[in-house]
Amino acid sequence: MESFNSFNNLFFDVWNNGVFGINASDIIVSLIIFLLFYLLRRLIARFILNRLSKIVLSTTTKIDDAVIEVLDGPLKFFPVVIGFFIASTYLDLSDQNQIFFDLINRSLITIFIFWLLHQLIIPFSFVIKNFESKISKPLVDWTLKGLKILVIVLGIVAILELWGIRVGPVIAGLGLFGVAVALGAQDLFKNLISGIMILMEKRFTVGDVILVSGEVEGVVEQIGFRSTLVRRFDSTPVMVPNYKFAEQSVTNYTRRHHRRIRWLIGLEYRTTIDQLRNIRNEINTLIENENDFAKNENASFYVRIDSFSDSSIDMLVQVFTVTNDWGEFLKTKENLAVKIIEIVENNNAGFAFPSQSLYLEKFSDDKPEIFNPKSK
């Protein structure tokens, strides 16, 4: 019986003093309060979002709609912050424990604030993207990523400062280590700086067709901090370090205003002067009347007799297409080729091909005679 009384006394003593001098019943009530807010966090967040959605429906801008979409995560975390605060205030804490729980509450509120700022960068991107005409799209993406990283770093620093961890001396202590890392990562910083210069100078952007001398020719798919992904026309991806673009010449085919067609059309030597003139004039008229070809001071076209080759009279046809698209260019080029063939055939002329005439002579005692293979 005495053992049972001793156990009762011990049990009620633990129940009354609890953990860290807190009554166990108060701990249970606090846990119930916290769990209640935790379980209702989705319902509370949905209620707030519905209220905000009704407000933004009356506006015509897309920014406030994007704000509502990104607030889902922070608003679900907000009831947890409130629940922990109410649960901690319900407890009868000592001064030392009160300081500890105050730090936790401050930390949770800090996390909520910086999480909210991190999410608000996404709708803020609508404002930054208005400058895409002045700066390239990858640079805008880099700016948004940099802002997100900055918010995360500032949030970590703020929480560490709350718990008495001074970040300044830690950073200063890592100075020598940072110098050593910088010396060992020269290529990394060189690529990073080159990447920034690519975006600032707008040498090329995602989707451009480029040629890097001695490296690769293809379509730019991604511009990263360290390297750029260029996909060759055979679908092979090639990662090019960014510093290569500073050391090698880069040809950006997408920036061309026009594509050039340049042909030397070989006509037979039996073609008469009148036929040559008619063919030239009809091709010239064809190009003048077609809207697929550029006609300005920077894109002149020429149709002229150019040279006399071994087997043909060569006529130069040089013209620039209006389109810069590869597929449309091929279509325009094909149409021009077909019409030139029709013009040559309509003038009863023919295209030359490499040929040779062979003359054999039969020598006799008196005089040479032309050898005729048909003679016996």
Protein backbone atom coordinates (compact mmCIF):
# COMPACT_ATOMS: atom_id res chain seq x y z
CA MET A 1 0.00 0.00 0.00
CA GLU A 2 2.83 2.34 0.81
CA SER A 3 4.37 1.64 -2.62
CA PHE A 4 1.11 2.54 -4.30
CA ASN A 5 0.89 5.81 -2.33
CA SER A 6 4.47 6.63 -3.21
CA PHE A 7 3.74 6.04 -6.90
CA ASN A 8 0.65 8.31 -6.69
CA ASN A 9 2.65 11.04 -5.07
CA LEU A 10 5.38 10.71 -7.69
CA PHE A 11 2.88 10.69 -10.55
CA PHE A 12 1.04 13.83 -9.37
CA ASP A 13 4.35 15.54 -8.69
CA VAL A 14 5.47 14.90 -12.27
CA TRP A 15 2.04 15.91 -13.55
CA ASN A 16 2.11 19.20 -11.66
CA ASN A 17 5.73 20.08 -12.40
CA GLY A 18 5.68 18.57 -15.93
CA VAL A 19 8.59 19.37 -18.23
CA PHE A 20 10.80 22.34 -17.38
CA GLY A 21 8.44 23.18 -14.55
CA ILE A 22 5.37 23.39 -16.80
CA ASN A 23 2.16 21.63 -15.73
CA ALA A 24 1.42 18.61 -17.93
CA SER A 25 -2.23 19.61 -18.35
CA ASP A 26 -1.09 23.01 -19.70
CA ILE A 27 1.25 21.24 -22.13
CA ILE A 28 -1.60 19.03 -23.37
CA VAL A 29 -3.92 22.01 -23.83
CA SER A 30 -1.17 23.90 -25.67
CA LEU A 31 -0.56 20.94 -27.97
CA ILE A 32 -4.29 20.70 -28.70
CA ILE A 33 -4.38 24.41 -29.57
CA PHE A 34 -1.38 24.06 -31.87
CA LEU A 35 -2.74 20.92 -33.56
CA LEU A 36 -6.10 22.61 -34.05
CA PHE A 37 -4.52 25.50 -35.94
CA TYR A 38 -2.30 23.06 -37.86
CA LEU A 39 -5.26 20.97 -38.98
CA LEU A 40 -7.29 24.05 -39.93
CA ARG A 41 -4.45 25.73 -41.84
CA ARG A 42 -5.82 24.75 -45.26
CA LEU A 43 -9.32 25.95 -44.39
CA ILE A 44 -8.02 29.27 -43.05
CA ALA A 45 -5.76 29.80 -46.09
CA ARG A 46 -8.63 29.03 -48.47
CA PHE A 47 -10.91 31.46 -46.64
CA ILE A 48 -8.34 34.28 -46.92
CA LEU A 49 -7.63 33.50 -50.58
CA ASN A 50 -11.32 33.54 -51.44
CA ARG A 51 -11.71 36.94 -49.83
CA LEU A 52 -8.69 38.29 -51.70
CA SER A 53 -9.87 36.76 -54.99
CA LYS A 54 -13.15 38.67 -54.79
CA ILE A 55 -11.19 41.89 -54.37
CA VAL A 56 -8.86 41.33 -57.35
CA LEU A 57 -11.69 40.34 -59.67
CA SER A 58 -12.59 44.01 -60.01
CA THR A 59 -9.13 44.86 -61.40
CA THR A 60 -7.81 44.34 -64.93
CA THR A 61 -4.10 43.84 -64.17
CA LYS A 62 -2.47 40.40 -64.10
CA ILE A 63 -0.12 41.23 -61.24
CA ASP A 64 -2.72 40.91 -58.48
CA ASP A 65 -3.91 37.60 -59.96
CA ALA A 66 -0.34 36.29 -59.82
CA VAL A 67 -0.07 37.50 -56.22
CA ILE A 68 -3.09 35.41 -55.22
CA GLU A 69 -1.60 32.31 -56.88
CA VAL A 70 1.72 32.51 -55.01
CA LEU A 71 0.23 33.26 -51.56
CA ASP A 72 -1.05 29.71 -51.05
CA GLY A 73 2.09 28.38 -49.35
CA PRO A 74 2.73 31.29 -46.96
CA LEU A 75 -0.94 31.52 -46.02
CA LYS A 76 -0.97 27.83 -45.05
CA PHE A 77 2.07 28.47 -42.87
CA PHE A 78 0.55 31.55 -41.23
CA PRO A 79 -2.00 29.59 -39.07
CA VAL A 80 0.90 27.45 -37.80
CA VAL A 81 2.69 30.62 -36.66
CA ILE A 82 -0.44 31.90 -34.92
CA GLY A 83 -1.18 28.51 -33.36
CA PHE A 84 2.32 28.21 -31.90
CA PHE A 85 2.14 31.75 -30.55
CA ILE A 86 -1.23 31.18 -28.81
CA ALA A 87 -0.11 27.80 -27.51
CA SER A 88 3.11 29.27 -26.06
CA THR A 89 1.28 32.22 -24.43
CA TYR A 90 -1.11 29.78 -22.71
CA LEU A 91 1.80 28.17 -20.87
CA ASP A 92 3.01 29.54 -17.55
CA LEU A 93 6.70 29.80 -18.41
CA SER A 94 9.69 30.81 -16.40
CA ASP A 95 11.75 33.77 -17.54
CA GLN A 96 14.38 31.57 -19.17
CA ASN A 97 11.82 29.42 -20.97
CA GLN A 98 9.88 32.51 -22.00
CA ILE A 99 12.98 33.89 -23.73
CA PHE A 100 13.44 30.57 -25.58
CA PHE A 101 9.84 30.44 -26.81
CA ASP A 102 9.96 34.12 -27.79
CA LEU A 103 12.94 33.32 -30.02
CA ILE A 104 11.00 30.47 -31.64
CA ASN A 105 8.02 32.77 -32.25
CA ARG A 106 10.27 35.46 -33.71
CA SER A 107 11.94 32.87 -35.93
CA LEU A 108 8.61 31.57 -37.22
CA ILE A 109 7.41 35.10 -37.97
CA THR A 110 10.71 35.86 -39.75
CA ILE A 111 10.36 32.71 -41.86
CA PHE A 112 6.81 33.71 -42.77
CA ILE A 113 7.86 37.24 -43.80
CA PHE A 114 10.80 36.17 -45.95
CA TRP A 115 8.82 33.30 -47.47
CA LEU A 116 6.16 35.84 -48.41
CA LEU A 117 8.80 38.13 -49.96
CA HIS A 118 10.29 35.19 -51.86
CA GLN A 119 6.90 34.30 -53.35
CA LEU A 120 6.09 37.93 -54.24
CA ILE A 121 9.13 38.01 -56.54
CA ILE A 122 7.14 35.87 -58.99
CA PRO A 123 4.41 38.50 -59.64
CA PHE A 124 7.14 41.16 -59.49
CA SER A 125 8.57 39.46 -62.59
CA PHE A 126 5.70 40.96 -64.61
CA VAL A 127 7.21 44.38 -63.93
CA ILE A 128 10.78 43.32 -64.71
CA LYS A 129 9.75 41.60 -67.95
CA ASN A 130 8.64 44.95 -69.30
CA PHE A 131 12.36 45.67 -69.71
CA GLU A 132 12.95 42.62 -71.95
CA SER A 133 13.07 44.94 -74.95
CA LYS A 134 16.04 46.74 -73.39
CA ILE A 135 17.71 43.76 -71.75
CA SER A 136 17.64 40.13 -72.84
CA LYS A 137 15.21 37.55 -71.46
CA PRO A 138 17.97 35.37 -69.91
CA LEU A 139 19.25 38.43 -68.03
CA VAL A 140 15.73 38.99 -66.67
CA ASP A 141 15.64 35.35 -65.54
CA TRP A 142 19.04 35.74 -63.90
CA THR A 143 17.82 38.86 -62.10
CA LEU A 144 14.76 37.05 -60.74
CA LYS A 145 16.87 34.08 -59.60
CA GLY A 146 19.34 36.47 -57.97
CA LEU A 147 16.54 38.23 -56.08
CA LYS A 148 15.19 34.89 -54.81
CA ILE A 149 18.63 33.82 -53.61
CA LEU A 150 19.14 37.22 -51.96
CA VAL A 151 15.85 36.92 -50.05
CA ILE A 152 16.76 33.41 -48.87
CA VAL A 153 20.22 34.52 -47.70
CA LEU A 154 18.81 37.56 -45.88
CA GLY A 155 16.20 35.36 -44.20
CA ILE A 156 18.87 32.93 -42.95
CA VAL A 157 21.01 35.82 -41.71
CA ALA A 158 18.03 37.37 -39.87
CA ILE A 159 17.22 34.07 -38.10
CA LEU A 160 20.85 33.53 -37.14
CA GLU A 161 21.01 37.06 -35.71
CA LEU A 162 17.90 36.33 -33.61
CA TRP A 163 19.66 33.37 -32.01
CA GLY A 164 22.76 35.43 -31.25
CA ILE A 165 24.92 34.10 -34.07
CA ARG A 166 26.83 37.03 -35.57
CA VAL A 167 27.22 36.53 -39.29
CA GLY A 168 29.74 39.34 -39.80
CA PRO A 169 32.63 37.73 -37.86
CA VAL A 170 31.87 34.39 -39.51
CA ILE A 171 32.12 35.95 -42.96
CA ALA A 172 35.33 37.73 -42.00
CA GLY A 173 36.76 34.47 -40.70
CA LEU A 174 35.97 32.82 -44.02
CA GLY A 175 37.80 35.57 -45.93
CA LEU A 176 41.06 33.69 -46.33
CA PHE A 177 39.19 30.56 -47.30
CA GLY A 178 37.25 32.59 -49.87
CA VAL A 179 40.48 33.91 -51.39
CA ALA A 180 41.78 30.37 -51.75
CA VAL A 181 38.52 29.24 -53.33
CA ALA A 182 38.58 32.23 -55.71
CA LEU A 183 42.10 31.37 -56.87
CA GLY A 184 41.06 27.80 -57.49
CA ALA A 185 37.85 28.80 -59.25
CA GLN A 186 39.20 31.30 -61.74
CA ASP A 187 37.54 29.50 -64.63
CA LEU A 188 34.20 29.61 -62.83
CA PHE A 189 34.37 33.38 -62.34
CA LYS A 190 35.67 33.86 -65.87
CA ASN A 191 32.69 31.96 -67.25
CA LEU A 192 30.30 33.85 -64.98
CA ILE A 193 31.60 37.26 -66.07
CA SER A 194 31.53 36.20 -69.72
CA GLY A 195 27.94 35.03 -69.31
CA ILE A 196 26.94 38.39 -67.86
CA MET A 197 28.63 40.20 -70.75
CA ILE A 198 26.78 37.97 -73.25
CA LEU A 199 23.45 39.00 -71.74
CA MET A 200 24.35 42.66 -71.35
CA GLU A 201 25.65 43.02 -74.91
CA LYS A 202 22.84 40.87 -76.38
CA ARG A 203 25.22 38.90 -78.59
CA PHE A 204 22.61 36.19 -78.84
CA THR A 205 19.62 34.88 -76.94
CA VAL A 206 17.73 31.63 -76.53
CA GLY A 207 16.48 30.37 -79.91
CA ASP A 208 19.16 32.08 -82.02
CA VAL A 209 21.16 30.10 -84.58
CA ILE A 210 24.85 30.83 -84.02
CA LEU A 211 28.27 29.71 -85.23
CA VAL A 212 31.16 29.77 -82.75
CA SER A 213 34.40 29.60 -84.72
CA GLY A 214 36.12 26.28 -84.16
CA GLU A 215 33.52 25.15 -81.62
CA VAL A 216 29.92 24.52 -82.70
CA GLU A 217 27.08 25.61 -84.93
CA GLY A 218 23.48 25.23 -83.83
CA VAL A 219 20.55 26.64 -81.88
CA VAL A 220 20.99 28.24 -78.44
CA GLU A 221 18.76 26.43 -75.94
CA GLN A 222 19.97 27.71 -72.57
CA ILE A 223 22.36 30.36 -71.26
CA GLY A 224 23.66 29.34 -67.84
CA PHE A 225 25.97 30.88 -65.27
CA ARG A 226 28.92 28.73 -66.34
CA SER A 227 28.13 27.44 -69.83
CA THR A 228 25.69 27.77 -72.72
CA LEU A 229 23.79 24.86 -74.24
CA VAL A 230 23.91 24.85 -78.04
CA ARG A 231 22.08 22.07 -79.88
CA ARG A 232 23.60 21.13 -83.21
CA PHE A 233 21.41 20.51 -86.25
CA ASP A 234 21.85 16.76 -85.79
CA SER A 235 20.17 17.22 -82.33
CA THR A 236 23.44 16.72 -80.43
CA PRO A 237 23.67 19.01 -77.36
CA VAL A 238 26.98 20.81 -76.85
CA MET A 239 27.87 22.65 -73.64
CA VAL A 240 30.13 25.60 -74.50
CA PRO A 241 31.97 27.38 -71.65
CA ASN A 242 30.95 31.02 -71.61
CA TYR A 243 34.52 32.32 -71.84
CA LYS A 244 34.71 30.80 -75.34
CA PHE A 245 32.29 33.45 -76.57
CA ALA A 246 34.72 36.15 -75.44
CA GLU A 247 37.72 34.53 -77.14
CA GLN A 248 36.08 33.26 -80.35
CA SER A 249 34.14 35.11 -83.01
CA VAL A 250 30.41 34.43 -82.90
CA THR A 251 28.21 34.58 -86.01
CA ASN A 252 24.53 35.09 -85.23
CA TYR A 253 22.57 33.90 -88.26
CA THR A 254 19.23 34.80 -86.69
CA ARG A 255 20.11 38.50 -86.72
CA ARG A 256 20.35 38.52 -90.52
CA HIS A 257 17.79 40.72 -92.25
CA HIS A 258 17.69 38.54 -95.38
CA ARG A 259 18.97 35.27 -96.81
CA ARG A 260 20.94 35.29 -100.06
CA ILE A 261 20.44 33.17 -103.18
CA ARG A 262 23.44 33.18 -105.47
CA TRP A 263 23.58 30.94 -108.54
CA LEU A 264 25.77 30.68 -111.62
CA ILE A 265 23.45 29.29 -114.28
CA GLY A 266 25.40 27.55 -117.02
CA LEU A 267 23.85 27.88 -120.50
CA GLU A 268 25.02 26.05 -123.61
CA TYR A 269 27.42 27.79 -125.99
CA ARG A 270 24.95 27.33 -128.80
CA THR A 271 22.61 29.78 -127.04
CA THR A 272 22.16 32.87 -129.21
CA ILE A 273 22.54 36.46 -128.07
CA ASP A 274 18.80 37.07 -128.34
CA GLN A 275 18.08 34.02 -126.22
CA LEU A 276 20.55 35.18 -123.58
CA ARG A 277 18.98 38.63 -123.45
CA ASN A 278 15.45 37.24 -123.25
CA ILE A 279 16.37 34.82 -120.46
CA ARG A 280 18.12 37.58 -118.53
CA ASN A 281 15.23 40.04 -118.92
CA GLU A 282 12.56 37.50 -118.00
CA ILE A 283 14.42 36.43 -114.84
CA ASN A 284 14.93 40.09 -113.96
CA THR A 285 11.20 40.81 -114.43
CA LEU A 286 10.30 37.72 -112.42
CA ILE A 287 12.33 38.89 -109.42
CA GLU A 288 10.97 42.45 -109.68
CA ASN A 289 7.37 41.25 -109.57
CA GLU A 290 7.80 38.72 -106.75
CA ASN A 291 7.15 39.94 -103.19
CA ASP A 292 9.32 37.20 -101.71
CA PHE A 293 12.51 39.04 -102.62
CA ALA A 294 13.97 42.11 -100.90
CA LYS A 295 14.43 45.22 -103.02
CA ASN A 296 16.24 48.00 -101.20
CA GLU A 297 19.61 49.67 -101.14
CA ASN A 298 20.99 47.08 -98.72
CA ALA A 299 19.64 44.08 -100.66
CA SER A 300 20.07 44.64 -104.37
CA PHE A 301 19.53 41.86 -106.88
CA TYR A 302 21.53 41.14 -110.04
CA VAL A 303 20.89 39.09 -113.18
CA ARG A 304 23.91 39.38 -115.49
CA ILE A 305 26.06 37.33 -117.85
CA ASP A 306 29.04 36.70 -115.66
CA SER A 307 31.71 34.56 -117.31
CA PHE A 308 32.66 32.05 -119.99
CA SER A 309 33.46 28.65 -118.54
CA ASP A 310 34.93 25.66 -120.35
CA SER A 311 31.52 24.20 -121.15
CA SER A 312 29.03 27.00 -120.56
CA ILE A 313 28.10 30.65 -120.63
CA ASP A 314 27.53 31.50 -116.96
CA MET A 315 24.72 33.84 -115.94
CA LEU A 316 24.83 35.23 -112.39
CA VAL A 317 21.55 35.35 -110.43
CA GLN A 318 21.89 36.96 -107.00
CA VAL A 319 18.90 37.94 -104.89
CA PHE A 320 17.96 38.27 -101.21
CA THR A 321 14.80 36.80 -99.74
CA VAL A 322 12.49 38.77 -97.45
CA THR A 323 12.14 35.91 -94.98
CA ASN A 324 14.88 34.80 -92.62
CA ASP A 325 13.15 31.54 -91.73
CA TRP A 326 15.01 28.49 -93.05
CA GLY A 327 11.91 26.60 -94.15
CA GLU A 328 10.37 29.59 -95.95
CA PHE A 329 13.73 30.35 -97.53
CA LEU A 330 13.95 26.83 -99.02
CA LYS A 331 10.41 27.15 -100.37
CA THR A 332 11.18 30.52 -102.02
CA LYS A 333 14.44 29.17 -103.42
CA GLU A 334 12.68 26.15 -104.91
CA ASN A 335 10.00 28.29 -106.55
CA LEU A 336 12.65 30.52 -108.12
CA ALA A 337 14.57 27.52 -109.45
CA VAL A 338 11.46 26.02 -111.06
CA LYS A 339 10.52 29.30 -112.75
CA ILE A 340 14.05 29.81 -114.07
CA ILE A 341 13.94 26.33 -115.60
CA GLU A 342 10.63 27.22 -117.27
CA ILE A 343 12.10 30.47 -118.65
CA VAL A 344 15.13 28.67 -120.12
CA GLU A 345 12.94 25.96 -121.71
CA ASN A 346 10.43 28.48 -123.09
CA ASN A 347 13.30 30.23 -124.88
CA ASN A 348 14.40 26.93 -126.48
CA ALA A 349 17.71 27.06 -124.65
CA GLY A 350 19.41 24.41 -122.57
CA PHE A 351 21.55 24.07 -119.49
CA ALA A 352 25.15 23.15 -120.09
CA PHE A 353 26.99 20.30 -118.49
CA PRO A 354 30.71 19.48 -118.48
CA SER A 355 31.65 18.01 -121.88
CA GLN A 356 34.65 17.68 -124.19
CA SER A 357 35.06 17.33 -127.96
CA LEU A 358 37.79 14.96 -129.11
CA TYR A 359 39.42 15.35 -132.53
CA LEU A 360 41.70 12.62 -133.94
CA GLU A 361 43.95 13.11 -136.98
CA LYS A 362 45.30 10.37 -139.29
CA PHE A 363 48.74 11.11 -140.65
CA SER A 364 49.90 9.85 -144.05
CA ASP A 365 53.23 10.26 -145.77
CA ASP A 366 52.11 13.30 -147.70
CA LYS A 367 49.68 15.14 -145.45
CA PRO A 368 47.61 14.57 -142.31
CA GLU A 369 44.06 13.43 -142.75
CA ILE A 370 41.17 13.71 -140.34
CA PHE A 371 40.43 10.27 -139.00
CA ASN A 372 36.83 9.22 -139.48
CA PRO A 373 35.83 6.24 -137.31
CA LYS A 374 33.12 5.27 -139.84
CA SER A 375 35.55 4.83 -142.70
CA LYS A 376 36.97 1.39 -143.41
